[in-house]
């Protein structure tokens, strides 16, 4: 709860969490939501192909309709660099499945990096 006598100077969407160690020492850290945008349905007018796009944690996922693979880039939906092509996906084409896939893929990547 915000103390009216001491208004927050943090930007919107940022908050603090304080952790207390068994030694009694405490640390306060800043936290923010993971950047997220979409999913969006887009059509490539030149080729007549529809695809879903979704950005989660600055990993951008593109899934063409009727495809069983996803392209994964890093950046934003407006500006990104392709990192992985032809990543298999086993679910039917939908925005909900893309969101679940993206979150799971990013979590698995972070788990691999922590090892």
Protein backbone atom coordinates (compact mmCIF):
# COMPACT_ATOMS: atom_id res chain seq x y z
CA UNK A 1 0.00 0.00 0.00
CA UNK A 2 1.32 3.45 -0.89
CA UNK A 3 1.94 5.85 1.95
CA UNK A 4 0.26 9.18 0.98
CA UNK A 5 2.99 11.05 2.90
CA UNK A 6 5.66 9.37 0.73
CA UNK A 7 4.37 8.96 -2.83
CA UNK A 8 6.16 6.46 -5.06
CA UNK A 9 8.77 7.82 -7.43
CA UNK A 10 8.85 4.55 -9.37
CA UNK A 11 7.56 4.50 -12.93
CA UNK A 12 4.25 2.76 -13.62
CA UNK A 13 4.56 -1.02 -13.69
CA UNK A 14 7.65 -1.09 -11.46
CA UNK A 15 7.54 -2.17 -7.82
CA UNK A 16 9.90 -3.13 -5.03
CA UNK A 17 10.24 -6.39 -3.15
CA UNK A 18 12.25 -6.80 0.02
CA UNK A 19 13.90 -10.10 0.89
CA UNK A 20 15.20 -11.04 4.33
CA UNK A 21 18.01 -13.58 4.56
CA UNK A 22 18.43 -16.01 7.47
CA UNK A 23 21.31 -13.77 8.68
CA UNK A 24 18.81 -10.94 9.11
CA UNK A 25 20.24 -8.91 6.22
CA UNK A 26 17.63 -7.49 3.86
CA UNK A 27 17.80 -6.51 0.20
CA UNK A 28 15.22 -4.53 -1.72
CA UNK A 29 15.07 -5.02 -5.46
CA UNK A 30 13.10 -3.39 -8.26
CA UNK A 31 10.82 -5.61 -10.31
CA UNK A 32 8.88 -5.03 -13.52
CA UNK A 33 6.54 -7.09 -15.67
CA UNK A 34 8.05 -8.96 -18.57
CA UNK A 35 7.61 -7.03 -21.81
CA UNK A 36 4.76 -8.57 -23.79
CA UNK A 37 2.84 -7.70 -26.95
CA UNK A 38 0.27 -9.63 -28.92
CA UNK A 39 -0.58 -12.08 -30.16
CA UNK A 40 -1.45 -10.32 -33.40
CA UNK A 41 -2.85 -11.77 -36.61
CA UNK A 42 -1.08 -10.33 -39.65
CA UNK A 43 -1.41 -11.01 -43.37
CA UNK A 44 1.45 -10.86 -45.84
CA UNK A 45 -0.51 -9.26 -48.69
CA UNK A 46 2.17 -10.07 -51.23
CA UNK A 47 2.08 -13.82 -50.51
CA UNK A 48 -1.41 -14.05 -49.05
CA UNK A 49 -0.12 -15.84 -45.94
CA UNK A 50 -1.52 -15.14 -42.50
CA UNK A 51 0.67 -15.48 -39.45
CA UNK A 52 0.50 -14.91 -35.73
CA UNK A 53 3.12 -12.80 -34.00
CA UNK A 54 3.82 -12.46 -30.29
CA UNK A 55 6.59 -10.82 -28.24
CA UNK A 56 7.44 -12.06 -24.76
CA UNK A 57 10.52 -10.91 -22.88
CA UNK A 58 11.82 -9.42 -26.14
CA UNK A 59 11.74 -12.80 -27.85
CA UNK A 60 9.51 -12.50 -30.90
CA UNK A 61 7.62 -15.50 -32.25
CA UNK A 62 6.20 -15.72 -35.80
CA UNK A 63 3.92 -18.62 -36.72
CA UNK A 64 2.59 -18.87 -40.29
CA UNK A 65 -0.84 -20.41 -40.71
CA UNK A 66 -0.73 -24.08 -41.83
CA UNK A 67 2.85 -24.42 -40.58
CA UNK A 68 4.23 -26.72 -37.93
CA UNK A 69 7.26 -24.49 -37.31
CA UNK A 70 7.83 -21.13 -35.67
CA UNK A 71 10.51 -18.50 -36.37
CA UNK A 72 11.99 -16.92 -33.24
CA UNK A 73 13.67 -13.51 -33.27
CA UNK A 74 15.00 -11.15 -30.62
CA UNK A 75 13.88 -7.52 -30.30
CA UNK A 76 10.39 -6.12 -30.66
CA UNK A 77 7.57 -6.81 -33.07
CA UNK A 78 8.57 -3.66 -34.98
CA UNK A 79 12.32 -4.35 -35.07
CA UNK A 80 13.92 -7.75 -34.53
CA UNK A 81 16.69 -10.10 -35.60
CA UNK A 82 15.93 -13.74 -36.43
CA UNK A 83 17.79 -16.14 -34.13
CA UNK A 84 16.05 -19.49 -34.75
CA UNK A 85 14.18 -20.79 -37.79
CA UNK A 86 11.96 -23.84 -38.21
CA UNK A 87 11.41 -24.47 -34.50
CA UNK A 88 8.85 -27.29 -34.35
CA UNK A 89 5.46 -26.77 -32.74
CA UNK A 90 3.00 -29.61 -32.17
CA UNK A 91 -0.19 -27.72 -31.35
CA UNK A 92 -2.88 -26.44 -33.72
CA UNK A 93 -2.36 -22.88 -34.99
CA UNK A 94 -3.89 -20.40 -32.52
CA UNK A 95 -2.95 -17.33 -30.53
CA UNK A 96 -3.41 -19.16 -27.22
CA UNK A 97 -1.07 -21.95 -28.31
CA UNK A 98 1.50 -19.42 -29.49
CA UNK A 99 1.45 -17.63 -26.13
CA UNK A 100 1.88 -20.92 -24.23
CA UNK A 101 4.67 -22.03 -26.59
CA UNK A 102 6.52 -18.69 -26.26
CA UNK A 103 6.38 -18.64 -22.47
CA UNK A 104 7.48 -22.26 -22.25
CA UNK A 105 10.28 -21.77 -24.78
CA UNK A 106 11.64 -18.72 -22.94
CA UNK A 107 11.49 -20.49 -19.56
CA UNK A 108 13.36 -23.50 -21.00
CA UNK A 109 16.00 -21.16 -22.46
CA UNK A 110 16.55 -19.49 -19.09
CA UNK A 111 16.76 -22.88 -17.37
CA UNK A 112 19.48 -23.96 -19.84
CA UNK A 113 21.41 -20.73 -19.27
CA UNK A 114 21.33 -21.14 -15.48
CA UNK A 115 23.05 -24.54 -15.65
